């Protein structure tokens, strides 16, 4: 019974490691694209009254989106190596141990 639980936990951890790696790649891509779009929008709007009105009405929302993406990028970037290392450790212990699932 414990062997099945160990195998299940190991499989879940390997799946989590793969999932967080995929999430990190996609999140970094979204973050970079958001930065590009913001820079393009600023350049396209210029510095006239319309641009000021646009940034006044939607600027705080866009800034919040940017801050949220920064926070997620940092969190995923900080945790991905930990999950990957745990997955590798479990894999190594499974290969070296006598418990096989």
PDB file of N, CA and C in Angstrom:
ATOM      1  N   UNK A   1       0.816  -1.194   0.000  1.00  0.00           N
ATOM      2  CA  UNK A   1       0.000   0.000   0.000  1.00  0.00           C
ATOM      3  C   UNK A   1       0.863   1.263   0.000  1.00  0.00           C
ATOM      4  N   UNK A   2       1.897   1.280   0.822  1.00  0.00           N
ATOM      5  CA  UNK A   2       2.772   2.448   0.855  1.00  0.00           C
ATOM      6  C   UNK A   2       3.546   2.598  -0.443  1.00  0.00           C
ATOM      7  N   UNK A   3       3.886   1.488  -1.052  1.00  0.00           N
ATOM      8  CA  UNK A   3       4.605   1.544  -2.326  1.00  0.00           C
ATOM      9  C   UNK A   3       3.773   2.270  -3.372  1.00  0.00           C
ATOM     10  N   UNK A   4       2.478   1.975  -3.419  1.00  0.00           N
ATOM     11  CA  UNK A   4       1.603   2.646  -4.377  1.00  0.00           C
ATOM     12  C   UNK A   4       1.511   4.139  -4.078  1.00  0.00           C
ATOM     13  N   UNK A   5       1.433   4.482  -2.806  1.00  0.00           N
ATOM     14  CA  UNK A   5       1.370   5.889  -2.417  1.00  0.00           C
ATOM     15  C   UNK A   5       2.642   6.627  -2.762  1.00  0.00           C
ATOM     16  N   UNK A   6       3.777   5.980  -2.548  1.00  0.00           N
ATOM     17  CA  UNK A   6       5.062   6.595  -2.886  1.00  0.00           C
ATOM     18  C   UNK A   6       5.167   6.820  -4.383  1.00  0.00           C
ATOM     19  N   UNK A   7       4.780   5.814  -5.145  1.00  0.00           N
ATOM     20  CA  UNK A   7       4.834   5.930  -6.607  1.00  0.00           C
ATOM     21  C   UNK A   7       3.908   7.043  -7.081  1.00  0.00           C
ATOM     22  N   UNK A   8       2.707   7.097  -6.510  1.00  0.00           N
ATOM     23  CA  UNK A   8       1.744   8.138  -6.881  1.00  0.00           C
ATOM     24  C   UNK A   8       2.307   9.521  -6.551  1.00  0.00           C
ATOM     25  N   UNK A   9       2.873   9.681  -5.352  1.00  0.00           N
ATOM     26  CA  UNK A   9       3.429  10.975  -4.947  1.00  0.00           C
ATOM     27  C   UNK A   9       4.578  11.390  -5.853  1.00  0.00           C
ATOM     28  N   UNK A  10       5.425  10.433  -6.206  1.00  0.00           N
ATOM     29  CA  UNK A  10       6.550  10.726  -7.089  1.00  0.00           C
ATOM     30  C   UNK A  10       6.055  11.164  -8.454  1.00  0.00           C
ATOM     31  N   UNK A  11       5.072  10.450  -8.985  1.00  0.00           N
ATOM     32  CA  UNK A  11       4.507  10.821 -10.286  1.00  0.00           C
ATOM     33  C   UNK A  11       3.883  12.209 -10.233  1.00  0.00           C
ATOM     34  N   UNK A  12       3.187  12.503  -9.143  1.00  0.00           N
ATOM     35  CA  UNK A  12       2.561  13.817  -8.997  1.00  0.00           C
ATOM     36  C   UNK A  12       3.616  14.918  -8.921  1.00  0.00           C
ATOM     37  N   UNK A  13       4.697  14.659  -8.212  1.00  0.00           N
ATOM     38  CA  UNK A  13       5.761  15.651  -8.091  1.00  0.00           C
ATOM     39  C   UNK A  13       6.436  15.890  -9.437  1.00  0.00           C
ATOM     40  N   UNK A  14       6.675  14.827 -10.192  1.00  0.00           N
ATOM     41  CA  UNK A  14       7.266  14.988 -11.525  1.00  0.00           C
ATOM     42  C   UNK A  14       6.320  15.781 -12.425  1.00  0.00           C
ATOM     43  N   UNK A  15       5.024  15.500 -12.312  1.00  0.00           N
ATOM     44  CA  UNK A  15       4.032  16.253 -13.087  1.00  0.00           C
ATOM     45  C   UNK A  15       4.008  17.718 -12.695  1.00  0.00           C
ATOM     46  N   UNK A  16       4.101  17.980 -11.397  1.00  0.00           N
ATOM     47  CA  UNK A  16       4.131  19.362 -10.908  1.00  0.00           C
ATOM     48  C   UNK A  16       5.366  20.091 -11.424  1.00  0.00           C
ATOM     49  N   UNK A  17       6.505  19.408 -11.406  1.00  0.00           N
ATOM     50  CA  UNK A  17       7.745  20.029 -11.896  1.00  0.00           C
ATOM     51  C   UNK A  17       7.613  20.393 -13.370  1.00  0.00           C
ATOM     52  N   UNK A  18       7.047  19.497 -14.159  1.00  0.00           N
ATOM     53  CA  UNK A  18       6.837  19.795 -15.580  1.00  0.00           C
ATOM     54  C   UNK A  18       5.845  20.922 -15.776  1.00  0.00           C
ATOM     55  N   UNK A  19       4.781  20.919 -14.980  1.00  0.00           N
ATOM     56  CA  UNK A  19       3.763  21.960 -15.081  1.00  0.00           C
ATOM     57  C   UNK A  19       4.284  23.331 -14.703  1.00  0.00           C
ATOM     58  N   UNK A  20       5.064  23.405 -13.642  1.00  0.00           N
ATOM     59  CA  UNK A  20       5.587  24.712 -13.228  1.00  0.00           C
ATOM     60  C   UNK A  20       6.605  25.226 -14.238  1.00  0.00           C
ATOM     61  N   UNK A  21       7.351  24.317 -14.852  1.00  0.00           N
ATOM     62  CA  UNK A  21       8.311  24.725 -15.890  1.00  0.00           C
ATOM     63  C   UNK A  21       7.557  25.310 -17.087  1.00  0.00           C
ATOM     64  N   UNK A  22       6.482  24.630 -17.514  1.00  0.00           N
ATOM     65  CA  UNK A  22       5.671  25.131 -18.632  1.00  0.00           C
ATOM     66  C   UNK A  22       5.021  26.466 -18.286  1.00  0.00           C
ATOM     67  N   UNK A  23       4.519  26.565 -17.057  1.00  0.00           N
ATOM     68  CA  UNK A  23       3.895  27.808 -16.608  1.00  0.00           C
ATOM     69  C   UNK A  23       4.904  28.949 -16.602  1.00  0.00           C
ATOM     70  N   UNK A  24       6.110  28.682 -16.147  1.00  0.00           N
ATOM     71  CA  UNK A  24       7.151  29.717 -16.114  1.00  0.00           C
ATOM     72  C   UNK A  24       7.453  30.228 -17.511  1.00  0.00           C
ATOM     73  N   UNK A  25       7.583  29.321 -18.462  1.00  0.00           N
ATOM     74  CA  UNK A  25       7.879  29.730 -19.842  1.00  0.00           C
ATOM     75  C   UNK A  25       6.758  30.608 -20.383  1.00  0.00           C
ATOM     76  N   UNK A  26       5.512  30.186 -20.184  1.00  0.00           N
ATOM     77  CA  UNK A  26       4.371  30.952 -20.697  1.00  0.00           C
ATOM     78  C   UNK A  26       4.232  32.284 -19.978  1.00  0.00           C
ATOM     79  N   UNK A  27       4.433  32.283 -18.675  1.00  0.00           N
ATOM     80  CA  UNK A  27       4.322  33.520 -17.905  1.00  0.00           C
ATOM     81  C   UNK A  27       5.395  34.521 -18.311  1.00  0.00           C
ATOM     82  N   UNK A  28       6.617  34.068 -18.511  1.00  0.00           N
ATOM     83  CA  UNK A  28       7.686  34.961 -18.937  1.00  0.00           C
ATOM     84  C   UNK A  28       7.377  35.531 -20.318  1.00  0.00           C
ATOM     85  N   UNK A  29       6.789  34.714 -21.194  1.00  0.00           N
ATOM     86  CA  UNK A  29       6.403  35.184 -22.528  1.00  0.00           C
ATOM     87  C   UNK A  29       5.324  36.260 -22.427  1.00  0.00           C
ATOM     88  N   UNK A  30       4.304  36.012 -21.607  1.00  0.00           N
ATOM     89  CA  UNK A  30       3.226  36.994 -21.424  1.00  0.00           C
ATOM     90  C   UNK A  30       3.791  38.284 -20.835  1.00  0.00           C
ATOM     91  N   UNK A  31       4.654  38.173 -19.853  1.00  0.00           N
ATOM     92  CA  UNK A  31       5.258  39.353 -19.229  1.00  0.00           C
ATOM     93  C   UNK A  31       6.025  40.177 -20.264  1.00  0.00           C
ATOM     94  N   UNK A  32       6.844  39.508 -21.060  1.00  0.00           N
ATOM     95  CA  UNK A  32       7.627  40.215 -22.079  1.00  0.00           C
ATOM     96  C   UNK A  32       6.731  40.873 -23.121  1.00  0.00           C
ATOM     97  N   UNK A  33       5.677  40.175 -23.536  1.00  0.00           N
ATOM     98  CA  UNK A  33       4.757  40.744 -24.528  1.00  0.00           C
ATOM     99  C   UNK A  33       4.007  41.934 -23.948  1.00  0.00           C
ATOM    100  N   UNK A  34       3.628  41.852 -22.676  1.00  0.00           N
ATOM    101  CA  UNK A  34       2.945  42.963 -22.022  1.00  0.00           C
ATOM    102  C   UNK A  34       3.843  44.198 -22.013  1.00  0.00           C
ATOM    103  N   UNK A  35       5.108  44.012 -21.676  1.00  0.00           N
ATOM    104  CA  UNK A  35       6.055  45.133 -21.669  1.00  0.00           C
ATOM    105  C   UNK A  35       6.189  45.743 -23.065  1.00  0.00           C
ATOM    106  N   UNK A  36       6.253  44.897 -24.092  1.00  0.00           N
ATOM    107  CA  UNK A  36       6.353  45.388 -25.473  1.00  0.00           C
ATOM    108  C   UNK A  36       5.110  46.176 -25.866  1.00  0.00           C
ATOM    109  N   UNK A  37       3.943  45.659 -25.502  1.00  0.00           N
ATOM    110  CA  UNK A  37       2.686  46.334 -25.837  1.00  0.00           C
ATOM    111  C   UNK A  37       2.595  47.674 -25.118  1.00  0.00           C
ATOM    112  N   UNK A  38       2.992  47.710 -23.857  1.00  0.00           N
ATOM    113  CA  UNK A  38       2.954  48.971 -23.118  1.00  0.00           C
ATOM    114  C   UNK A  38       3.883  50.001 -23.759  1.00  0.00           C
ATOM    115  N   UNK A  39       5.067  49.591 -24.144  1.00  0.00           N
ATOM    116  CA  UNK A  39       6.011  50.517 -24.782  1.00  0.00           C
ATOM    117  C   UNK A  39       5.466  51.003 -26.118  1.00  0.00           C
ATOM    118  N   UNK A  40       4.874  50.105 -26.889  1.00  0.00           N
ATOM    119  CA  UNK A  40       4.294  50.484 -28.183  1.00  0.00           C
ATOM    120  C   UNK A  40       3.117  51.427 -28.000  1.00  0.00           C
ATOM    121  N   UNK A  41       2.302  51.160 -26.991  1.00  0.00           N
ATOM    122  CA  UNK A  41       1.142  52.010 -26.720  1.00  0.00           C
ATOM    123  C   UNK A  41       1.592  53.411 -26.324  1.00  0.00           C
ATOM    124  N   UNK A  42       2.587  53.490 -25.464  1.00  0.00           N
ATOM    125  CA  UNK A  42       3.110  54.806 -25.061  1.00  0.00           C
ATOM    126  C   UNK A  42       3.635  55.577 -26.271  1.00  0.00           C
ATOM    127  N   UNK A  43       4.382  54.885 -27.121  1.00  0.00           N
ATOM    128  CA  UNK A  43       4.943  55.533 -28.312  1.00  0.00           C
ATOM    129  C   UNK A  43       3.841  55.965 -29.269  1.00  0.00           C
ATOM    130  N   UNK A  44       2.818  55.133 -29.437  1.00  0.00           N
ATOM    131  CA  UNK A  44       1.741  55.447 -30.375  1.00  0.00           C
ATOM    132  C   UNK A  44       0.870  56.599 -29.883  1.00  0.00           C
ATOM    133  N   UNK A  45       0.641  56.663 -28.588  1.00  0.00           N
ATOM    134  CA  UNK A  45      -0.227  57.712 -28.052  1.00  0.00           C
ATOM    135  C   UNK A  45       0.449  59.072 -28.021  1.00  0.00           C
ATOM    136  N   UNK A  46       1.731  59.063 -27.836  1.00  0.00           N
ATOM    137  CA  UNK A  46       2.435  60.339 -27.780  1.00  0.00           C
ATOM    138  C   UNK A  46       2.230  61.036 -26.451  1.00  0.00           C
ATOM    139  N   UNK A  47       2.200  62.371 -26.509  1.00  0.00           N
ATOM    140  CA  UNK A  47       2.135  63.157 -25.280  1.00  0.00           C
ATOM    141  C   UNK A  47       1.091  64.265 -25.392  1.00  0.00           C
ATOM    142  N   UNK A  48      -0.050  63.947 -26.000  1.00  0.00           N
ATOM    143  CA  UNK A  48      -1.091  64.965 -26.142  1.00  0.00           C
ATOM    144  C   UNK A  48      -2.182  64.759 -25.088  1.00  0.00           C
ATOM    145  N   UNK A  49      -3.262  65.534 -25.210  1.00  0.00           N
ATOM    146  CA  UNK A  49      -4.347  65.462 -24.233  1.00  0.00           C
ATOM    147  C   UNK A  49      -5.029  64.101 -24.243  1.00  0.00           C
ATOM    148  N   UNK A  50      -5.196  63.527 -25.433  1.00  0.00           N
ATOM    149  CA  UNK A  50      -5.808  62.203 -25.529  1.00  0.00           C
ATOM    150  C   UNK A  50      -4.975  61.167 -24.775  1.00  0.00           C
ATOM    151  N   UNK A  51      -3.671  61.231 -24.942  1.00  0.00           N
ATOM    152  CA  UNK A  51      -2.782  60.284 -24.255  1.00  0.00           C
ATOM    153  C   UNK A  51      -2.891  60.438 -22.743  1.00  0.00           C
ATOM    154  N   UNK A  52      -2.925  61.670 -22.273  1.00  0.00           N
ATOM    155  CA  UNK A  52      -3.056  61.905 -20.834  1.00  0.00           C
ATOM    156  C   UNK A  52      -4.384  61.366 -20.319  1.00  0.00           C
ATOM    157  N   UNK A  53      -5.453  61.579 -21.077  1.00  0.00           N
ATOM    158  CA  UNK A  53      -6.767  61.066 -20.676  1.00  0.00           C
ATOM    159  C   UNK A  53      -6.774  59.538 -20.666  1.00  0.00           C
ATOM    160  N   UNK A  54      -6.150  58.953 -21.666  1.00  0.00           N
ATOM    161  CA  UNK A  54      -6.082  57.488 -21.746  1.00  0.00           C
ATOM    162  C   UNK A  54      -5.357  56.915 -20.530  1.00  0.00           C
ATOM    163  N   UNK A  55      -4.194  57.460 -20.206  1.00  0.00           N
ATOM    164  CA  UNK A  55      -3.421  56.949 -19.080  1.00  0.00           C
ATOM    165  C   UNK A  55      -4.107  57.240 -17.756  1.00  0.00           C
ATOM    166  N   UNK A  56      -4.832  58.359 -17.691  1.00  0.00           N
ATOM    167  CA  UNK A  56      -5.537  58.681 -16.456  1.00  0.00           C
ATOM    168  C   UNK A  56      -6.694  57.709 -16.224  1.00  0.00           C
ATOM    169  N   UNK A  57      -7.387  57.325 -17.299  1.00  0.00           N
ATOM    170  CA  UNK A  57      -8.536  56.428 -17.142  1.00  0.00           C
ATOM    171  C   UNK A  57      -8.133  54.966 -16.988  1.00  0.00           C
ATOM    172  N   UNK A  58      -7.104  54.528 -17.692  1.00  0.00           N
ATOM    173  CA  UNK A  58      -6.751  53.110 -17.644  1.00  0.00           C
ATOM    174  C   UNK A  58      -5.367  52.809 -17.133  1.00  0.00           C
ATOM    175  N   UNK A  59      -4.622  53.837 -16.842  1.00  0.00           N
ATOM    176  CA  UNK A  59      -3.233  53.642 -16.434  1.00  0.00           C
ATOM    177  C   UNK A  59      -3.061  52.855 -15.152  1.00  0.00           C
ATOM    178  N   UNK A  60      -3.917  53.118 -14.166  1.00  0.00           N
ATOM    179  CA  UNK A  60      -3.765  52.403 -12.891  1.00  0.00           C
ATOM    180  C   UNK A  60      -4.084  50.918 -13.060  1.00  0.00           C
ATOM    181  N   UNK A  61      -5.067  50.617 -13.902  1.00  0.00           N
ATOM    182  CA  UNK A  61      -5.404  49.214 -14.158  1.00  0.00           C
ATOM    183  C   UNK A  61      -4.257  48.513 -14.884  1.00  0.00           C
ATOM    184  N   UNK A  62      -3.693  49.178 -15.882  1.00  0.00           N
ATOM    185  CA  UNK A  62      -2.568  48.597 -16.613  1.00  0.00           C
ATOM    186  C   UNK A  62      -1.344  48.447 -15.711  1.00  0.00           C
ATOM    187  N   UNK A  63      -1.131  49.405 -14.836  1.00  0.00           N
ATOM    188  CA  UNK A  63      -0.015  49.308 -13.890  1.00  0.00           C
ATOM    189  C   UNK A  63      -0.218  48.124 -12.945  1.00  0.00           C
ATOM    190  N   UNK A  64      -1.458  47.911 -12.502  1.00  0.00           N
ATOM    191  CA  UNK A  64      -1.753  46.775 -11.622  1.00  0.00           C
ATOM    192  C   UNK A  64      -1.511  45.449 -12.340  1.00  0.00           C
ATOM    193  N   UNK A  65      -1.874  45.381 -13.611  1.00  0.00           N
ATOM    194  CA  UNK A  65      -1.616  44.169 -14.398  1.00  0.00           C
ATOM    195  C   UNK A  65      -0.112  43.928 -14.496  1.00  0.00           C
ATOM    196  N   UNK A  66       0.635  44.973 -14.773  1.00  0.00           N
ATOM    197  CA  UNK A  66       2.092  44.856 -14.853  1.00  0.00           C
ATOM    198  C   UNK A  66       2.706  44.404 -13.536  1.00  0.00           C
ATOM    199  N   UNK A  67       2.226  44.961 -12.427  1.00  0.00           N
ATOM    200  CA  UNK A  67       2.735  44.574 -11.110  1.00  0.00           C
ATOM    201  C   UNK A  67       2.388  43.126 -10.794  1.00  0.00           C
ATOM    202  N   UNK A  68       1.173  42.701 -11.157  1.00  0.00           N
ATOM    203  CA  UNK A  68       0.773  41.310 -10.925  1.00  0.00           C
ATOM    204  C   UNK A  68       1.642  40.353 -11.739  1.00  0.00           C
ATOM    205  N   UNK A  69       1.906  40.702 -12.988  1.00  0.00           N
ATOM    206  CA  UNK A  69       2.779  39.862 -13.814  1.00  0.00           C
ATOM    207  C   UNK A  69       4.195  39.804 -13.242  1.00  0.00           C
ATOM    208  N   UNK A  70       4.692  40.937 -12.758  1.00  0.00           N
ATOM    209  CA  UNK A  70       6.021  40.953 -12.123  1.00  0.00           C
ATOM    210  C   UNK A  70       6.053  40.039 -10.899  1.00  0.00           C
ATOM    211  N   UNK A  71       5.009  40.136 -10.074  1.00  0.00           N
ATOM    212  CA  UNK A  71       4.931  39.319  -8.863  1.00  0.00           C
ATOM    213  C   UNK A  71       4.876  37.829  -9.205  1.00  0.00           C
ATOM    214  N   UNK A  72       4.036  37.469 -10.169  1.00  0.00           N
ATOM    215  CA  UNK A  72       3.940  36.065 -10.585  1.00  0.00           C
ATOM    216  C   UNK A  72       5.252  35.567 -11.178  1.00  0.00           C
ATOM    217  N   UNK A  73       5.881  36.403 -11.973  1.00  0.00           N
ATOM    218  CA  UNK A  73       7.155  36.022 -12.591  1.00  0.00           C
ATOM    219  C   UNK A  73       8.200  35.746 -11.512  1.00  0.00           C
ATOM    220  N   UNK A  74       8.269  36.605 -10.504  1.00  0.00           N
ATOM    221  CA  UNK A  74       9.228  36.405  -9.417  1.00  0.00           C
ATOM    222  C   UNK A  74       8.901  35.153  -8.606  1.00  0.00           C
ATOM    223  N   UNK A  75       7.619  34.946  -8.314  1.00  0.00           N
ATOM    224  CA  UNK A  75       7.223  33.783  -7.512  1.00  0.00           C
ATOM    225  C   UNK A  75       7.520  32.477  -8.237  1.00  0.00           C
ATOM    226  N   UNK A  76       7.142  32.406  -9.497  1.00  0.00           N
ATOM    227  CA  UNK A  76       7.400  31.186 -10.268  1.00  0.00           C
ATOM    228  C   UNK A  76       8.901  30.993 -10.453  1.00  0.00           C
ATOM    229  N   UNK A  77       9.602  32.067 -10.731  1.00  0.00           N
ATOM    230  CA  UNK A  77      11.050  31.973 -10.897  1.00  0.00           C
ATOM    231  C   UNK A  77      11.752  31.500  -9.634  1.00  0.00           C
ATOM    232  N   UNK A  78      11.233  31.900  -8.475  1.00  0.00           N
ATOM    233  CA  UNK A  78      11.836  31.495  -7.205  1.00  0.00           C
ATOM    234  C   UNK A  78      11.516  30.046  -6.857  1.00  0.00           C
ATOM    235  N   UNK A  79      10.314  29.580  -7.196  1.00  0.00           N
ATOM    236  CA  UNK A  79       9.898  28.238  -6.793  1.00  0.00           C
ATOM    237  C   UNK A  79      10.230  27.148  -7.800  1.00  0.00           C
ATOM    238  N   UNK A  80      10.372  27.498  -9.063  1.00  0.00           N
ATOM    239  CA  UNK A  80      10.643  26.470 -10.074  1.00  0.00           C
ATOM    240  C   UNK A  80      11.895  25.654  -9.756  1.00  0.00           C
ATOM    241  N   UNK A  81      13.024  26.279  -9.395  1.00  0.00           N
ATOM    242  CA  UNK A  81      14.211  25.468  -9.082  1.00  0.00           C
ATOM    243  C   UNK A  81      13.992  24.524  -7.895  1.00  0.00           C
ATOM    244  N   UNK A  82      13.214  24.960  -6.902  1.00  0.00           N
ATOM    245  CA  UNK A  82      12.941  24.115  -5.739  1.00  0.00           C
ATOM    246  C   UNK A  82      12.137  22.879  -6.126  1.00  0.00           C
ATOM    247  N   UNK A  83      11.108  23.076  -6.924  1.00  0.00           N
ATOM    248  CA  UNK A  83      10.274  21.948  -7.346  1.00  0.00           C
ATOM    249  C   UNK A  83      11.067  21.021  -8.259  1.00  0.00           C
ATOM    250  N   UNK A  84      11.848  21.596  -9.143  1.00  0.00           N
ATOM    251  CA  UNK A  84      12.673  20.779 -10.044  1.00  0.00           C
ATOM    252  C   UNK A  84      13.684  19.953  -9.240  1.00  0.00           C
ATOM    253  N   UNK A  85      14.308  20.564  -8.229  1.00  0.00           N
ATOM    254  CA  UNK A  85      15.276  19.845  -7.393  1.00  0.00           C
ATOM    255  C   UNK A  85      14.593  18.739  -6.595  1.00  0.00           C
ATOM    256  N   UNK A  86      13.419  19.030  -6.043  1.00  0.00           N
ATOM    257  CA  UNK A  86      12.682  18.001  -5.301  1.00  0.00           C
ATOM    258  C   UNK A  86      12.317  16.839  -6.213  1.00  0.00           C
ATOM    259  N   UNK A  87      11.896  17.145  -7.419  1.00  0.00           N
ATOM    260  CA  UNK A  87      11.558  16.098  -8.381  1.00  0.00           C
ATOM    261  C   UNK A  87      12.782  15.244  -8.699  1.00  0.00           C
ATOM    262  N   UNK A  88      13.914  15.881  -8.920  1.00  0.00           N
ATOM    263  CA  UNK A  88      15.150  15.142  -9.213  1.00  0.00           C
ATOM    264  C   UNK A  88      15.568  14.292  -8.016  1.00  0.00           C
ATOM    265  N   UNK A  89      15.416  14.825  -6.801  1.00  0.00           N
ATOM    266  CA  UNK A  89      15.766  14.062  -5.599  1.00  0.00           C
ATOM    267  C   UNK A  89      14.873  12.837  -5.439  1.00  0.00           C
ATOM    268  N   UNK A  90      13.566  13.012  -5.661  1.00  0.00           N
ATOM    269  CA  UNK A  90      12.656  11.877  -5.574  1.00  0.00           C
ATOM    270  C   UNK A  90      12.984  10.841  -6.644  1.00  0.00           C
ATOM    271  N   UNK A  91      13.298  11.303  -7.834  1.00  0.00           N
ATOM    272  CA  UNK A  91      13.649  10.378  -8.916  1.00  0.00           C
ATOM    273  C   UNK A  91      14.901   9.586  -8.539  1.00  0.00           C
ATOM    274  N   UNK A  92      15.908  10.282  -8.018  1.00  0.00           N
ATOM    275  CA  UNK A  92      17.155   9.614  -7.629  1.00  0.00           C
ATOM    276  C   UNK A  92      16.921   8.622  -6.494  1.00  0.00           C
ATOM    277  N   UNK A  93      16.108   9.004  -5.514  1.00  0.00           N
ATOM    278  CA  UNK A  93      15.841   8.088  -4.403  1.00  0.00           C
ATOM    279  C   UNK A  93      15.024   6.892  -4.868  1.00  0.00           C
ATOM    280  N   UNK A  94      14.132   7.106  -5.808  1.00  0.00           N
ATOM    281  CA  UNK A  94      13.344   6.002  -6.351  1.00  0.00           C
ATOM    282  C   UNK A  94      14.240   5.023  -7.103  1.00  0.00           C
ATOM    283  N   UNK A  95      15.170   5.556  -7.875  1.00  0.00           N
ATOM    284  CA  UNK A  95      16.077   4.694  -8.635  1.00  0.00           C
ATOM    285  C   UNK A  95      17.049   3.954  -7.715  1.00  0.00           C
ATOM    286  N   UNK A  96      17.450   4.589  -6.610  1.00  0.00           N
ATOM    287  CA  UNK A  96      18.405   3.968  -5.695  1.00  0.00           C
ATOM    288  C   UNK A  96      17.735   3.067  -4.663  1.00  0.00           C
ATOM    289  N   UNK A  97      16.448   3.284  -4.435  1.00  0.00           N
ATOM    290  CA  UNK A  97      15.751   2.544  -3.394  1.00  0.00           C
ATOM    291  C   UNK A  97      15.225   1.204  -3.857  1.00  0.00           C
ATOM    292  N   UNK A  98      14.613   0.520  -2.895  1.00  0.00           N
ATOM    293  CA  UNK A  98      14.041  -0.793  -3.203  1.00  0.00           C
ATOM    294  C   UNK A  98      12.555  -0.701  -3.500  1.00  0.00           C
ATOM    295  N   UNK A  99      11.957   0.448  -3.223  1.00  0.00           N
ATOM    296  CA  UNK A  99      10.522   0.615  -3.475  1.00  0.00           C
ATOM    297  C   UNK A  99      10.337   0.967  -4.937  1.00  0.00           C
ATOM    298  N   UNK A 100       9.670   0.138  -5.642  1.00  0.00           N
ATOM    299  CA  UNK A 100       9.398   0.370  -7.062  1.00  0.00           C
ATOM    300  C   UNK A 100       7.891   0.391  -7.271  1.00  0.00           C
ATOM    301  N   UNK A 101       7.408   1.404  -8.044  1.00  0.00           N
ATOM    302  CA  UNK A 101       5.973   1.520  -8.266  1.00  0.00           C
ATOM    303  C   UNK A 101       5.567   0.994  -9.506  1.00  0.00           C
TER     304      UNK A 101
END
